[in-house]
Protein backbone atom coordinates (compact mmCIF):
# COMPACT_ATOMS: atom_id res chain seq x y z
CA UNK A 1 -18.13 23.59 13.79
CA UNK A 2 -18.39 20.37 12.14
CA UNK A 3 -17.87 22.07 8.37
CA UNK A 4 -14.67 23.93 9.56
CA UNK A 5 -13.45 20.88 10.85
CA UNK A 6 -13.94 19.07 7.84
CA UNK A 7 -12.31 21.46 6.12
CA UNK A 8 -9.08 21.11 8.07
CA UNK A 9 -9.09 17.49 7.70
CA UNK A 10 -8.96 17.54 3.73
CA UNK A 11 -6.41 19.82 4.17
CA UNK A 12 -4.36 18.51 6.24
CA UNK A 13 -1.18 17.80 3.95
CA UNK A 14 -1.13 13.88 3.38
CA UNK A 15 1.94 13.10 6.07
CA UNK A 16 0.07 14.41 8.33
CA UNK A 17 -3.39 13.18 7.44
CA UNK A 18 -1.30 9.58 7.49
CA UNK A 19 0.21 10.00 10.99
CA UNK A 20 -4.08 10.52 11.76
CA UNK A 21 -5.25 7.24 10.06
CA UNK A 22 -5.07 3.63 11.60
CA UNK A 23 -1.87 1.65 11.36
CA UNK A 24 -3.44 -1.18 7.94
CA UNK A 25 -1.92 -4.96 8.62
CA UNK A 26 0.30 -6.04 7.44
CA UNK A 27 -2.34 -8.77 6.26
CA UNK A 28 -4.67 -6.51 5.11
CA UNK A 29 -1.97 -4.57 2.62
CA UNK A 30 -1.42 -8.00 1.46
CA UNK A 31 -5.33 -8.08 0.23
CA UNK A 32 -5.24 -4.83 -1.30
CA UNK A 33 -2.43 -5.74 -3.19
CA UNK A 34 -4.37 -8.48 -4.48
CA UNK A 35 -6.85 -7.14 -5.55
CA UNK A 36 -4.76 -4.34 -7.15
CA UNK A 37 -2.58 -6.34 -9.27
CA UNK A 38 -5.64 -8.84 -9.93
CA UNK A 39 -2.96 -11.66 -12.01
CA UNK A 40 -2.82 -14.81 -12.47
CA UNK A 41 0.29 -15.18 -14.50
CA UNK A 42 1.67 -12.60 -11.84
CA UNK A 43 0.25 -12.87 -7.97
CA UNK A 44 0.62 -10.21 -5.72
CA UNK A 45 2.45 -8.22 -9.34
CA UNK A 46 5.37 -10.47 -7.98
CA UNK A 47 7.45 -9.92 -11.23
CA UNK A 48 11.36 -9.79 -10.25
CA UNK A 49 11.29 -13.32 -9.23
CA UNK A 50 9.76 -16.80 -11.20
CA UNK A 51 6.70 -18.37 -8.99
CA UNK A 52 5.42 -19.67 -12.05
CA UNK A 53 2.01 -18.66 -11.10
CA UNK A 54 1.86 -20.13 -7.56
CA UNK A 55 -0.66 -18.05 -6.04
CA UNK A 56 1.09 -19.64 -2.45
CA UNK A 57 4.27 -18.46 -3.04
CA UNK A 58 3.82 -15.20 -4.68
CA UNK A 59 2.82 -14.07 -0.84
CA UNK A 60 4.83 -14.66 0.91
CA UNK A 61 7.74 -13.32 -1.40
CA UNK A 62 4.26 -10.11 -1.28
CA UNK A 63 3.81 -10.13 2.37
CA UNK A 64 7.92 -9.94 2.83
CA UNK A 65 8.53 -7.18 1.11
CA UNK A 66 5.96 -5.12 3.08
CA UNK A 67 7.60 -5.94 6.30
CA UNK A 68 11.30 -5.40 4.89
CA UNK A 69 9.18 -1.72 3.66
CA UNK A 70 8.34 -0.52 7.01
CA UNK A 71 11.11 -1.49 8.67
CA UNK A 72 13.07 1.45 5.81
CA UNK A 73 10.09 2.95 6.15
CA UNK A 74 9.78 3.48 10.18
CA UNK A 75 14.09 4.10 9.89
CA UNK A 76 13.47 6.86 7.14
CA UNK A 77 10.86 8.38 9.80
CA UNK A 78 8.15 8.04 8.43
CA UNK A 79 7.93 10.63 5.98
CA UNK A 80 4.61 9.88 4.24
CA UNK A 81 1.93 7.05 4.42
CA UNK A 82 3.43 4.19 4.51
CA UNK A 83 1.68 3.29 1.11
CA UNK A 84 3.36 6.17 -0.93
CA UNK A 85 6.43 5.08 0.10
CA UNK A 86 5.83 1.02 -0.40
CA UNK A 87 4.43 2.17 -3.98
CA UNK A 88 7.71 3.79 -4.68
CA UNK A 89 9.69 0.93 -5.06
CA UNK A 90 6.93 -1.83 -5.48
CA UNK A 91 5.37 -0.67 -7.97
CA UNK A 92 7.02 2.69 -9.81
CA UNK A 93 4.11 5.30 -10.97
CA UNK A 94 5.99 5.30 -14.53
CA UNK A 95 5.27 1.78 -14.68
CA UNK A 96 2.44 1.42 -12.62
CA UNK A 97 0.75 4.50 -12.37
CA UNK A 98 -2.64 3.83 -9.94
CA UNK A 99 -0.75 1.40 -7.74
CA UNK A 100 -0.67 3.89 -5.30
CA UNK A 101 -4.23 5.31 -5.79
CA UNK A 102 -5.76 1.34 -6.22
CA UNK A 103 -4.03 -0.06 -3.07
CA UNK A 104 -5.75 2.93 -0.96
CA UNK A 105 -9.60 2.61 -2.73
CA UNK A 106 -9.45 -0.98 -1.76
CA UNK A 107 -8.16 -0.47 2.34
CA UNK A 108 -10.72 2.29 2.45
CA UNK A 109 -13.66 -0.26 0.76
CA UNK A 110 -12.03 -3.04 3.68
CA UNK A 111 -13.00 -0.86 6.90
CA UNK A 112 -16.21 0.72 5.68
């Protein structure tokens, strides 16, 4: 019985699986993004605005980006998990193909 349930969960489409997961807070996503980007020159991966390496300034910009992306994601009807949705715009797969995977990794690592 346990194997059957586990198999079903693993085979669920990502959109359904995302709805089963508890939502991550903005700060959890922010911290996972910081670990993913891991840059002194571009804290939190902020390149569109010159932060002059100021981590507090970059942190606020990133937090604003997360909050705005959540509003767009909810308005779009939550078509996929939030990290994948945000990653398409924040870190396009053509420029940073590992961003979504790494943010998920750090969020899961935090949860354990």
